[in-house]
Amino acid sequence: MNIILSKRCDVHGCTVKKPFNSIEDRQAHFTTTHKIHRPNHCPIEECTRHSNGFTTLGKLVEHIKVEHDPPKCTFDHCDFRSLGNVMVGHVQRMHRQGNGWECKLPGCEGSKSGFTYDRFRSHVFSHGIGNWSYSQLWAVDRGDKSFILDGTFVTCKHCSESRAPSGQNEASKDGTA
């Protein structure tokens, strides 16, 4: 194969006729110019980007956030936003409805998060509590506060923003803020 020909765009109807400096430049041209190489399409049919997609998934996600203001996940402690059936997959992967872990530390009582075990451990850590054993985490999930030794810990960011009066971020042993 002629090296010059291999550096030319071979898409029928393309207006770029001169060879590219490198095979990588030609590939970049394909990805940014020809819609057949834009596999990430906006799910909103009325949007111009529904037929003329994006080269990367990241660009599509940014477009959706800026242009379409997608709804937020209905679970507490989750900032995920999406359109269409992507949310269904997110809920199935990230939240365990009915059998997930729930934080019942003061400030989080009544929240609906459906944490997976790993996300629950991470969440409890956001309260300023270090590495706890499985049995201690299980007690938090069940609402048993008797194992909290010093009685004071930080309210998680989500709950302090959505529930606590402004200026308060500490919870006391008896659950009052």
Protein backbone atom coordinates (compact mmCIF):
# COMPACT_ATOMS: atom_id res chain seq x y z
CA MET A 1 0.00 0.00 0.00
CA ASN A 2 1.26 3.45 -0.85
CA ILE A 3 2.10 5.33 2.36
CA ILE A 4 0.63 8.58 0.95
CA LEU A 5 -2.70 6.89 0.14
CA SER A 6 -2.91 5.39 3.64
CA LYS A 7 -2.76 8.92 5.10
CA ARG A 8 -5.71 10.18 3.04
CA CYS A 9 -9.32 10.18 4.17
CA ASP A 10 -11.16 7.45 2.25
CA VAL A 11 -14.70 8.38 3.33
CA HIS A 12 -16.83 8.95 0.22
CA GLY A 13 -17.69 12.64 -0.14
CA CYS A 14 -15.06 13.93 2.29
CA THR A 15 -13.79 17.36 1.27
CA VAL A 16 -10.30 16.85 2.73
CA LYS A 17 -8.16 15.76 -0.21
CA LYS A 18 -4.56 16.24 0.93
CA PRO A 19 -2.81 13.52 2.96
CA PHE A 20 -2.58 13.90 6.72
CA ASN A 21 0.84 14.22 8.41
CA SER A 22 0.39 10.90 10.21
CA ILE A 23 -1.96 7.96 10.53
CA GLU A 24 -2.90 9.32 13.98
CA ASP A 25 -3.95 12.67 12.44
CA ARG A 26 -6.09 10.78 9.93
CA GLN A 27 -7.72 8.82 12.75
CA ALA A 28 -8.40 12.04 14.69
CA HIS A 29 -10.02 13.45 11.52
CA PHE A 30 -12.31 10.40 11.33
CA THR A 31 -13.33 10.68 14.96
CA THR A 32 -14.08 14.39 14.88
CA THR A 33 -15.50 14.84 11.37
CA HIS A 34 -17.50 11.83 10.24
CA LYS A 35 -20.65 11.11 12.23
CA ILE A 36 -20.31 7.39 11.65
CA HIS A 37 -17.42 7.65 14.10
CA ARG A 38 -19.51 9.51 16.70
CA PRO A 39 -21.09 6.59 18.52
CA ASN A 40 -22.32 8.47 21.62
CA HIS A 41 -25.72 9.92 20.73
CA CYS A 42 -27.97 12.13 22.85
CA PRO A 43 -31.09 10.18 23.94
CA ILE A 44 -33.35 13.23 23.34
CA GLU A 45 -34.78 12.72 19.84
CA GLU A 46 -35.43 16.45 19.28
CA CYS A 47 -31.78 17.30 19.99
CA THR A 48 -29.41 17.86 17.05
CA ARG A 49 -26.90 15.63 18.85
CA HIS A 50 -29.34 12.70 18.65
CA SER A 51 -28.27 12.05 15.07
CA ASN A 52 -24.84 13.71 15.18
CA GLY A 53 -23.34 12.21 18.33
CA PHE A 54 -20.15 12.75 20.28
CA THR A 55 -16.75 11.14 19.90
CA THR A 56 -16.46 10.32 23.60
CA LEU A 57 -18.89 9.31 26.32
CA GLY A 58 -17.52 12.10 28.53
CA LYS A 59 -18.54 14.74 25.98
CA LEU A 60 -22.04 13.23 25.80
CA VAL A 61 -22.39 13.26 29.60
CA GLU A 62 -21.29 16.91 29.75
CA HIS A 63 -23.74 17.79 26.94
CA ILE A 64 -26.64 16.13 28.79
CA LYS A 65 -25.81 17.94 32.04
CA VAL A 66 -25.55 21.35 30.37
CA GLU A 67 -28.30 21.15 27.75
CA HIS A 68 -30.98 18.91 29.25
CA ASP A 69 -30.73 19.19 33.08
CA PRO A 70 -31.36 15.49 33.73
CA PRO A 71 -33.22 14.39 36.86
CA LYS A 72 -31.24 13.43 39.97
CA CYS A 73 -31.29 9.93 41.40
CA THR A 74 -34.13 9.63 43.92
CA PHE A 75 -31.95 7.90 46.52
CA ASP A 76 -30.41 9.99 49.30
CA HIS A 77 -26.61 10.39 49.35
CA CYS A 78 -26.45 10.03 45.55
CA ASP A 79 -25.71 12.83 43.09
CA PHE A 80 -26.05 10.71 39.93
CA ARG A 81 -28.05 12.34 37.11
CA SER A 82 -29.21 10.71 33.91
CA LEU A 83 -31.83 10.50 31.21
CA GLY A 84 -33.82 7.49 30.09
CA ASN A 85 -33.14 3.88 31.02
CA VAL A 86 -29.57 4.64 32.17
CA MET A 87 -31.08 5.52 35.55
CA VAL A 88 -32.63 2.05 35.83
CA GLY A 89 -29.21 0.44 35.37
CA HIS A 90 -27.68 2.86 37.86
CA VAL A 91 -30.26 1.98 40.54
CA GLN A 92 -29.76 -1.75 39.95
CA ARG A 93 -25.96 -1.45 40.22
CA MET A 94 -25.60 1.11 43.01
CA HIS A 95 -28.66 0.78 45.27
CA ARG A 96 -30.05 -2.33 46.88
CA GLN A 97 -33.75 -1.62 47.31
CA GLY A 98 -35.15 -3.47 50.30
CA ASN A 99 -31.90 -5.19 51.26
CA GLY A 100 -29.33 -2.40 51.06
CA TRP A 101 -27.47 -0.80 53.95
CA GLU A 102 -29.01 2.29 55.57
CA CYS A 103 -27.30 4.79 57.86
CA LYS A 104 -29.25 5.44 61.04
CA LEU A 105 -26.73 7.71 62.74
CA PRO A 106 -28.23 11.00 63.94
CA GLY A 107 -28.68 13.27 60.97
CA CYS A 108 -29.25 10.41 58.54
CA GLU A 109 -32.27 8.77 60.19
CA GLY A 110 -35.05 8.25 57.71
CA SER A 111 -32.82 8.56 54.65
CA LYS A 112 -33.31 6.10 51.82
CA SER A 113 -29.95 5.20 50.29
CA GLY A 114 -29.85 1.45 49.65
CA PHE A 115 -26.05 1.44 49.94
CA THR A 116 -23.96 -1.47 48.75
CA TYR A 117 -21.63 -2.69 51.52
CA ASP A 118 -18.58 -0.83 50.13
CA ARG A 119 -20.47 2.42 49.63
CA PHE A 120 -21.94 2.12 53.13
CA ARG A 121 -18.47 1.73 54.69
CA SER A 122 -17.36 4.81 52.76
CA HIS A 123 -20.44 6.73 53.89
CA VAL A 124 -19.91 5.88 57.58
CA PHE A 125 -16.33 7.13 57.17
CA SER A 126 -17.81 10.50 56.01
CA HIS A 127 -19.28 10.81 59.52
CA GLY A 128 -15.72 11.02 60.85
CA ILE A 129 -15.79 7.42 62.05
CA GLY A 130 -12.76 5.28 61.19
CA ASN A 131 -12.55 1.67 60.11
CA TRP A 132 -15.34 -0.23 61.78
CA SER A 133 -15.93 -3.94 61.89
CA TYR A 134 -18.79 -5.61 60.08
CA SER A 135 -20.73 -5.97 63.34
CA GLN A 136 -20.38 -2.25 64.10
CA LEU A 137 -21.57 -1.36 60.59
CA TRP A 138 -24.45 -3.80 61.00
CA ALA A 139 -25.40 -2.01 64.24
CA VAL A 140 -25.44 1.37 62.42
CA ASP A 141 -27.69 -0.16 59.76
CA ARG A 142 -30.05 -1.39 62.50
CA GLY A 143 -30.06 1.91 64.42
CA ASP A 144 -28.08 0.73 67.47
CA LYS A 145 -26.11 3.74 68.74
CA SER A 146 -24.85 2.13 71.98
CA PHE A 147 -21.40 1.41 70.55
CA ILE A 148 -20.59 5.08 69.85
CA LEU A 149 -18.02 5.72 72.56
CA ASP A 150 -17.54 9.48 72.61
CA GLY A 151 -21.00 10.28 71.25
CA THR A 152 -19.99 13.04 68.83
CA PHE A 153 -19.39 12.72 65.11
CA VAL A 154 -19.74 14.77 61.95
CA THR A 155 -23.04 14.74 60.10
CA CYS A 156 -22.47 13.55 56.53
CA LYS A 157 -22.26 16.24 53.84
CA HIS A 158 -25.51 15.19 52.16
CA CYS A 159 -27.58 15.33 55.34
CA SER A 160 -25.98 18.51 56.64
CA GLU A 161 -26.87 20.26 53.37
CA SER A 162 -30.37 18.87 53.02
CA ARG A 163 -31.60 18.60 56.63
CA ALA A 164 -29.52 20.35 59.30
CA PRO A 165 -30.06 24.01 60.18
CA SER A 166 -27.34 26.18 58.67
CA GLY A 167 -24.13 26.40 60.64
CA GLN A 168 -24.55 23.03 62.38
CA ASN A 169 -22.63 19.93 61.38
CA GLU A 170 -22.14 18.04 64.63
CA ALA A 171 -24.56 15.57 66.18
CA SER A 172 -24.62 14.70 69.86
CA LYS A 173 -25.06 11.36 71.61
CA ASP A 174 -28.80 11.79 72.06
CA GLY A 175 -29.31 12.58 68.35
CA THR A 176 -30.06 16.27 68.76
CA ALA A 177 -28.12 18.65 66.59
